[in-house]
PDB file of N, CA and C in Angstrom:
ATOM      1  N   MET A   1       0.841  -1.173   0.000  1.00  0.00           N
ATOM      2  CA  MET A   1       0.000   0.000   0.000  1.00  0.00           C
ATOM      3  C   MET A   1       0.889   1.240   0.000  1.00  0.00           C
ATOM      4  N   GLN A   2       0.410   2.245  -0.726  1.00  0.00           N
ATOM      5  CA  GLN A   2       1.062   3.545  -0.740  1.00  0.00           C
ATOM      6  C   GLN A   2       0.017   4.604  -0.431  1.00  0.00           C
ATOM      7  N   ALA A   3       0.455   5.721   0.122  1.00  0.00           N
ATOM      8  CA  ALA A   3      -0.445   6.831   0.435  1.00  0.00           C
ATOM      9  C   ALA A   3       0.106   8.100  -0.179  1.00  0.00           C
ATOM     10  N   TRP A   4      -0.794   8.957  -0.599  1.00  0.00           N
ATOM     11  CA  TRP A   4      -0.424  10.239  -1.171  1.00  0.00           C
ATOM     12  C   TRP A   4      -1.400  11.290  -0.679  1.00  0.00           C
ATOM     13  N   VAL A   5      -0.894  12.447  -0.296  1.00  0.00           N
ATOM     14  CA  VAL A   5      -1.732  13.555   0.162  1.00  0.00           C
ATOM     15  C   VAL A   5      -1.747  14.627  -0.920  1.00  0.00           C
ATOM     16  N   ASP A   6      -2.944  14.984  -1.375  1.00  0.00           N
ATOM     17  CA  ASP A   6      -3.095  16.030  -2.382  1.00  0.00           C
ATOM     18  C   ASP A   6      -2.853  17.379  -1.708  1.00  0.00           C
ATOM     19  N   PRO A   7      -1.779  18.069  -2.072  1.00  0.00           N
ATOM     20  CA  PRO A   7      -1.456  19.337  -1.405  1.00  0.00           C
ATOM     21  C   PRO A   7      -2.481  20.429  -1.667  1.00  0.00           C
ATOM     22  N   ASP A   8      -3.248  20.306  -2.753  1.00  0.00           N
ATOM     23  CA  ASP A   8      -4.270  21.304  -3.043  1.00  0.00           C
ATOM     24  C   ASP A   8      -5.528  21.111  -2.194  1.00  0.00           C
ATOM     25  N   LYS A   9      -5.747  19.898  -1.718  1.00  0.00           N
ATOM     26  CA  LYS A   9      -6.927  19.613  -0.899  1.00  0.00           C
ATOM     27  C   LYS A   9      -6.643  19.699   0.600  1.00  0.00           C
ATOM     28  N   CYS A  10      -5.433  19.336   1.001  1.00  0.00           N
ATOM     29  CA  CYS A  10      -5.095  19.295   2.428  1.00  0.00           C
ATOM     30  C   CYS A  10      -5.226  20.689   3.040  1.00  0.00           C
ATOM     31  N   GLN A  11      -5.934  20.755   4.166  1.00  0.00           N
ATOM     32  CA  GLN A  11      -6.128  22.018   4.866  1.00  0.00           C
ATOM     33  C   GLN A  11      -5.427  22.039   6.228  1.00  0.00           C
ATOM     34  N   GLY A  12      -4.666  20.990   6.531  1.00  0.00           N
ATOM     35  CA  GLY A  12      -3.895  20.964   7.765  1.00  0.00           C
ATOM     36  C   GLY A  12      -4.701  20.674   9.013  1.00  0.00           C
ATOM     37  N   HIS A  13      -5.735  19.840   8.890  1.00  0.00           N
ATOM     38  CA  HIS A  13      -6.547  19.478  10.064  1.00  0.00           C
ATOM     39  C   HIS A  13      -5.779  18.588  11.043  1.00  0.00           C
ATOM     40  N   THR A  14      -4.744  17.928  10.592  1.00  0.00           N
ATOM     41  CA  THR A  14      -3.820  17.066  11.356  1.00  0.00           C
ATOM     42  C   THR A  14      -4.412  15.728  11.795  1.00  0.00           C
ATOM     43  N   LEU A  15      -5.626  15.402  11.364  1.00  0.00           N
ATOM     44  CA  LEU A  15      -6.244  14.140  11.781  1.00  0.00           C
ATOM     45  C   LEU A  15      -5.466  12.926  11.289  1.00  0.00           C
ATOM     46  N   CYS A  16      -4.895  13.020  10.102  1.00  0.00           N
ATOM     47  CA  CYS A  16      -4.142  11.883   9.562  1.00  0.00           C
ATOM     48  C   CYS A  16      -2.932  11.572  10.431  1.00  0.00           C
ATOM     49  N   ALA A  17      -2.232  12.602  10.854  1.00  0.00           N
ATOM     50  CA  ALA A  17      -1.039  12.408  11.686  1.00  0.00           C
ATOM     51  C   ALA A  17      -1.406  11.885  13.072  1.00  0.00           C
ATOM     52  N   MET A  18      -2.598  12.205  13.542  1.00  0.00           N
ATOM     53  CA  MET A  18      -3.042  11.654  14.829  1.00  0.00           C
ATOM     54  C   MET A  18      -3.349  10.170  14.704  1.00  0.00           C
ATOM     55  N   ARG A  19      -3.871   9.757  13.539  1.00  0.00           N
ATOM     56  CA  ARG A  19      -4.242   8.354  13.322  1.00  0.00           C
ATOM     57  C   ARG A  19      -3.032   7.485  12.952  1.00  0.00           C
ATOM     58  N   ALA A  20      -2.126   8.048  12.157  1.00  0.00           N
ATOM     59  CA  ALA A  20      -0.967   7.280  11.673  1.00  0.00           C
ATOM     60  C   ALA A  20       0.285   8.160  11.714  1.00  0.00           C
ATOM     61  N   PRO A  21       0.788   8.447  12.913  1.00  0.00           N
ATOM     62  CA  PRO A  21       1.923   9.356  13.040  1.00  0.00           C
ATOM     63  C   PRO A  21       3.214   8.856  12.398  1.00  0.00           C
ATOM     64  N   ALA A  22       3.346   7.559  12.222  1.00  0.00           N
ATOM     65  CA  ALA A  22       4.552   7.020  11.596  1.00  0.00           C
ATOM     66  C   ALA A  22       4.545   7.221  10.084  1.00  0.00           C
ATOM     67  N   ILE A  23       3.382   7.559   9.523  1.00  0.00           N
ATOM     68  CA  ILE A  23       3.237   7.659   8.072  1.00  0.00           C
ATOM     69  C   ILE A  23       3.083   9.099   7.598  1.00  0.00           C
ATOM     70  N   PHE A  24       2.367   9.920   8.360  1.00  0.00           N
ATOM     71  CA  PHE A  24       2.076  11.282   7.927  1.00  0.00           C
ATOM     72  C   PHE A  24       2.893  12.287   8.715  1.00  0.00           C
ATOM     73  N   GLU A  25       3.558  13.175   7.979  1.00  0.00           N
ATOM     74  CA  GLU A  25       4.369  14.224   8.582  1.00  0.00           C
ATOM     75  C   GLU A  25       3.691  15.564   8.303  1.00  0.00           C
ATOM     76  N   LEU A  26       3.685  16.424   9.302  1.00  0.00           N
ATOM     77  CA  LEU A  26       3.048  17.724   9.166  1.00  0.00           C
ATOM     78  C   LEU A  26       4.095  18.819   8.963  1.00  0.00           C
ATOM     79  N   SER A  27       3.794  19.747   8.098  1.00  0.00           N
ATOM     80  CA  SER A  27       4.673  20.882   7.841  1.00  0.00           C
ATOM     81  C   SER A  27       4.689  21.804   9.056  1.00  0.00           C
ATOM     82  N   ASP A  28       5.869  22.248   9.434  1.00  0.00           N
ATOM     83  CA  ASP A  28       5.999  23.218  10.525  1.00  0.00           C
ATOM     84  C   ASP A  28       5.458  24.588  10.114  1.00  0.00           C
ATOM     85  N   ILE A  29       5.355  24.813   8.833  1.00  0.00           N
ATOM     86  CA  ILE A  29       4.919  26.111   8.327  1.00  0.00           C
ATOM     87  C   ILE A  29       3.400  26.257   8.347  1.00  0.00           C
ATOM     88  N   ASP A  30       2.702  25.289   7.745  1.00  0.00           N
ATOM     89  CA  ASP A  30       1.253  25.437   7.616  1.00  0.00           C
ATOM     90  C   ASP A  30       0.447  24.242   8.117  1.00  0.00           C
ATOM     91  N   GLY A  31       1.122  23.209   8.621  1.00  0.00           N
ATOM     92  CA  GLY A  31       0.417  22.043   9.150  1.00  0.00           C
ATOM     93  C   GLY A  31      -0.068  21.066   8.099  1.00  0.00           C
ATOM     94  N   HIS A  32       0.191  21.344   6.830  1.00  0.00           N
ATOM     95  CA  HIS A  32      -0.227  20.428   5.773  1.00  0.00           C
ATOM     96  C   HIS A  32       0.582  19.139   5.849  1.00  0.00           C
ATOM     97  N   ALA A  33      -0.064  18.053   5.475  1.00  0.00           N
ATOM     98  CA  ALA A  33       0.544  16.728   5.617  1.00  0.00           C
ATOM     99  C   ALA A  33       1.210  16.251   4.339  1.00  0.00           C
ATOM    100  N   THR A  34       2.207  15.413   4.523  1.00  0.00           N
ATOM    101  CA  THR A  34       2.790  14.612   3.451  1.00  0.00           C
ATOM    102  C   THR A  34       2.888  13.198   3.986  1.00  0.00           C
ATOM    103  N   ALA A  35       2.855  12.237   3.076  1.00  0.00           N
ATOM    104  CA  ALA A  35       2.914  10.829   3.469  1.00  0.00           C
ATOM    105  C   ALA A  35       4.298  10.261   3.185  1.00  0.00           C
ATOM    106  N   LEU A  36       4.675   9.293   3.987  1.00  0.00           N
ATOM    107  CA  LEU A  36       5.912   8.561   3.775  1.00  0.00           C
ATOM    108  C   LEU A  36       5.900   7.988   2.364  1.00  0.00           C
ATOM    109  N   ALA A  37       6.970   8.148   1.639  1.00  0.00           N
ATOM    110  CA  ALA A  37       7.041   7.668   0.258  1.00  0.00           C
ATOM    111  C   ALA A  37       7.272   6.163   0.213  1.00  0.00           C
ATOM    112  N   GLY A  38       6.795   5.554  -0.842  1.00  0.00           N
ATOM    113  CA  GLY A  38       7.029   4.141  -1.073  1.00  0.00           C
ATOM    114  C   GLY A  38       5.994   3.248  -0.413  1.00  0.00           C
ATOM    115  N   ASP A  39       6.303   1.948  -0.420  1.00  0.00           N
ATOM    116  CA  ASP A  39       5.389   0.968   0.164  1.00  0.00           C
ATOM    117  C   ASP A  39       5.371   1.106   1.678  1.00  0.00           C
ATOM    118  N   LEU A  40       4.168   1.170   2.228  1.00  0.00           N
ATOM    119  CA  LEU A  40       4.009   1.333   3.670  1.00  0.00           C
ATOM    120  C   LEU A  40       4.043  -0.018   4.361  1.00  0.00           C
ATOM    121  N   PRO A  41       4.557  -0.073   5.574  1.00  0.00           N
ATOM    122  CA  PRO A  41       4.605  -1.332   6.316  1.00  0.00           C
ATOM    123  C   PRO A  41       3.191  -1.874   6.541  1.00  0.00           C
ATOM    124  N   ALA A  42       3.041  -3.179   6.413  1.00  0.00           N
ATOM    125  CA  ALA A  42       1.735  -3.821   6.600  1.00  0.00           C
ATOM    126  C   ALA A  42       1.152  -3.514   7.977  1.00  0.00           C
ATOM    127  N   SER A  43       2.003  -3.336   8.951  1.00  0.00           N
ATOM    128  CA  SER A  43       1.538  -3.043  10.310  1.00  0.00           C
ATOM    129  C   SER A  43       0.837  -1.688  10.418  1.00  0.00           C
ATOM    130  N   GLU A  44       1.024  -0.818   9.421  1.00  0.00           N
ATOM    131  CA  GLU A  44       0.425   0.513   9.426  1.00  0.00           C
ATOM    132  C   GLU A  44      -0.816   0.631   8.540  1.00  0.00           C
ATOM    133  N   HIS A  45      -1.155  -0.420   7.801  1.00  0.00           N
ATOM    134  CA  HIS A  45      -2.247  -0.333   6.833  1.00  0.00           C
ATOM    135  C   HIS A  45      -3.578   0.064   7.471  1.00  0.00           C
ATOM    136  N   ASP A  46      -3.943  -0.538   8.590  1.00  0.00           N
ATOM    137  CA  ASP A  46      -5.213  -0.199   9.235  1.00  0.00           C
ATOM    138  C   ASP A  46      -5.233   1.264   9.672  1.00  0.00           C
ATOM    139  N   ALA A  47      -4.139   1.736  10.239  1.00  0.00           N
ATOM    140  CA  ALA A  47      -4.062   3.125  10.692  1.00  0.00           C
ATOM    141  C   ALA A  47      -4.131   4.091   9.509  1.00  0.00           C
ATOM    142  N   VAL A  48      -3.511   3.740   8.402  1.00  0.00           N
ATOM    143  CA  VAL A  48      -3.525   4.595   7.218  1.00  0.00           C
ATOM    144  C   VAL A  48      -4.928   4.650   6.619  1.00  0.00           C
ATOM    145  N   ARG A  49      -5.621   3.519   6.585  1.00  0.00           N
ATOM    146  CA  ARG A  49      -7.004   3.516   6.095  1.00  0.00           C
ATOM    147  C   ARG A  49      -7.886   4.391   6.988  1.00  0.00           C
ATOM    148  N   GLU A  50      -7.689   4.281   8.286  1.00  0.00           N
ATOM    149  CA  GLU A  50      -8.447   5.100   9.231  1.00  0.00           C
ATOM    150  C   GLU A  50      -8.133   6.588   9.019  1.00  0.00           C
ATOM    151  N   ALA A  51      -6.870   6.896   8.796  1.00  0.00           N
ATOM    152  CA  ALA A  51      -6.467   8.277   8.553  1.00  0.00           C
ATOM    153  C   ALA A  51      -7.127   8.814   7.286  1.00  0.00           C
ATOM    154  N   ALA A  52      -7.117   8.026   6.229  1.00  0.00           N
ATOM    155  CA  ALA A  52      -7.733   8.454   4.969  1.00  0.00           C
ATOM    156  C   ALA A  52      -9.230   8.690   5.155  1.00  0.00           C
ATOM    157  N   GLY A  53      -9.871   7.813   5.895  1.00  0.00           N
ATOM    158  CA  GLY A  53     -11.299   7.952   6.135  1.00  0.00           C
ATOM    159  C   GLY A  53     -11.654   9.134   7.021  1.00  0.00           C
ATOM    160  N   SER A  54     -10.720   9.560   7.859  1.00  0.00           N
ATOM    161  CA  SER A  54     -10.995  10.664   8.778  1.00  0.00           C
ATOM    162  C   SER A  54     -10.692  12.024   8.186  1.00  0.00           C
ATOM    163  N   CYS A  55     -10.081  12.067   7.004  1.00  0.00           N
ATOM    164  CA  CYS A  55      -9.715  13.349   6.402  1.00  0.00           C
ATOM    165  C   CYS A  55     -10.969  14.082   5.908  1.00  0.00           C
ATOM    166  N   PRO A  56     -11.277  15.240   6.504  1.00  0.00           N
ATOM    167  CA  PRO A  56     -12.478  15.973   6.101  1.00  0.00           C
ATOM    168  C   PRO A  56     -12.435  16.466   4.655  1.00  0.00           C
ATOM    169  N   GLU A  57     -11.244  16.639   4.118  1.00  0.00           N
ATOM    170  CA  GLU A  57     -11.080  17.150   2.768  1.00  0.00           C
ATOM    171  C   GLU A  57     -10.926  16.033   1.744  1.00  0.00           C
ATOM    172  N   GLN A  58     -10.877  14.784   2.212  1.00  0.00           N
ATOM    173  CA  GLN A  58     -10.641  13.616   1.343  1.00  0.00           C
ATOM    174  C   GLN A  58      -9.396  13.835   0.484  1.00  0.00           C
ATOM    175  N   ALA A  59      -8.334  14.281   1.154  1.00  0.00           N
ATOM    176  CA  ALA A  59      -7.092  14.621   0.460  1.00  0.00           C
ATOM    177  C   ALA A  59      -6.134  13.442   0.346  1.00  0.00           C
ATOM    178  N   ILE A  60      -6.451  12.311   0.991  1.00  0.00           N
ATOM    179  CA  ILE A  60      -5.528  11.170   1.003  1.00  0.00           C
ATOM    180  C   ILE A  60      -5.995  10.104   0.029  1.00  0.00           C
ATOM    181  N   THR A  61      -5.088   9.705  -0.848  1.00  0.00           N
ATOM    182  CA  THR A  61      -5.342   8.639  -1.819  1.00  0.00           C
ATOM    183  C   THR A  61      -4.491   7.437  -1.429  1.00  0.00           C
ATOM    184  N   LEU A  62      -5.106   6.268  -1.430  1.00  0.00           N
ATOM    185  CA  LEU A  62      -4.398   5.019  -1.139  1.00  0.00           C
ATOM    186  C   LEU A  62      -4.364   4.154  -2.397  1.00  0.00           C
ATOM    187  N   SER A  63      -3.257   3.477  -2.590  1.00  0.00           N
ATOM    188  CA  SER A  63      -3.150   2.544  -3.719  1.00  0.00           C
ATOM    189  C   SER A  63      -2.397   1.309  -3.297  1.00  0.00           C
TER     190      SER A  63
END
């Protein structure tokens, strides 16, 4: 699984980082999120799905 955060949709609510802190990093400037690049560890898949589902802007894409 891979995750990607659309920078145009992300509004910096920080919910993704609360759900999956090992995967989502928040900008010190505006709080917008970026996701760890590449294949995510299987142990984080449930947390990443929860993070994607909790995003009010639906800015997270999973593949």
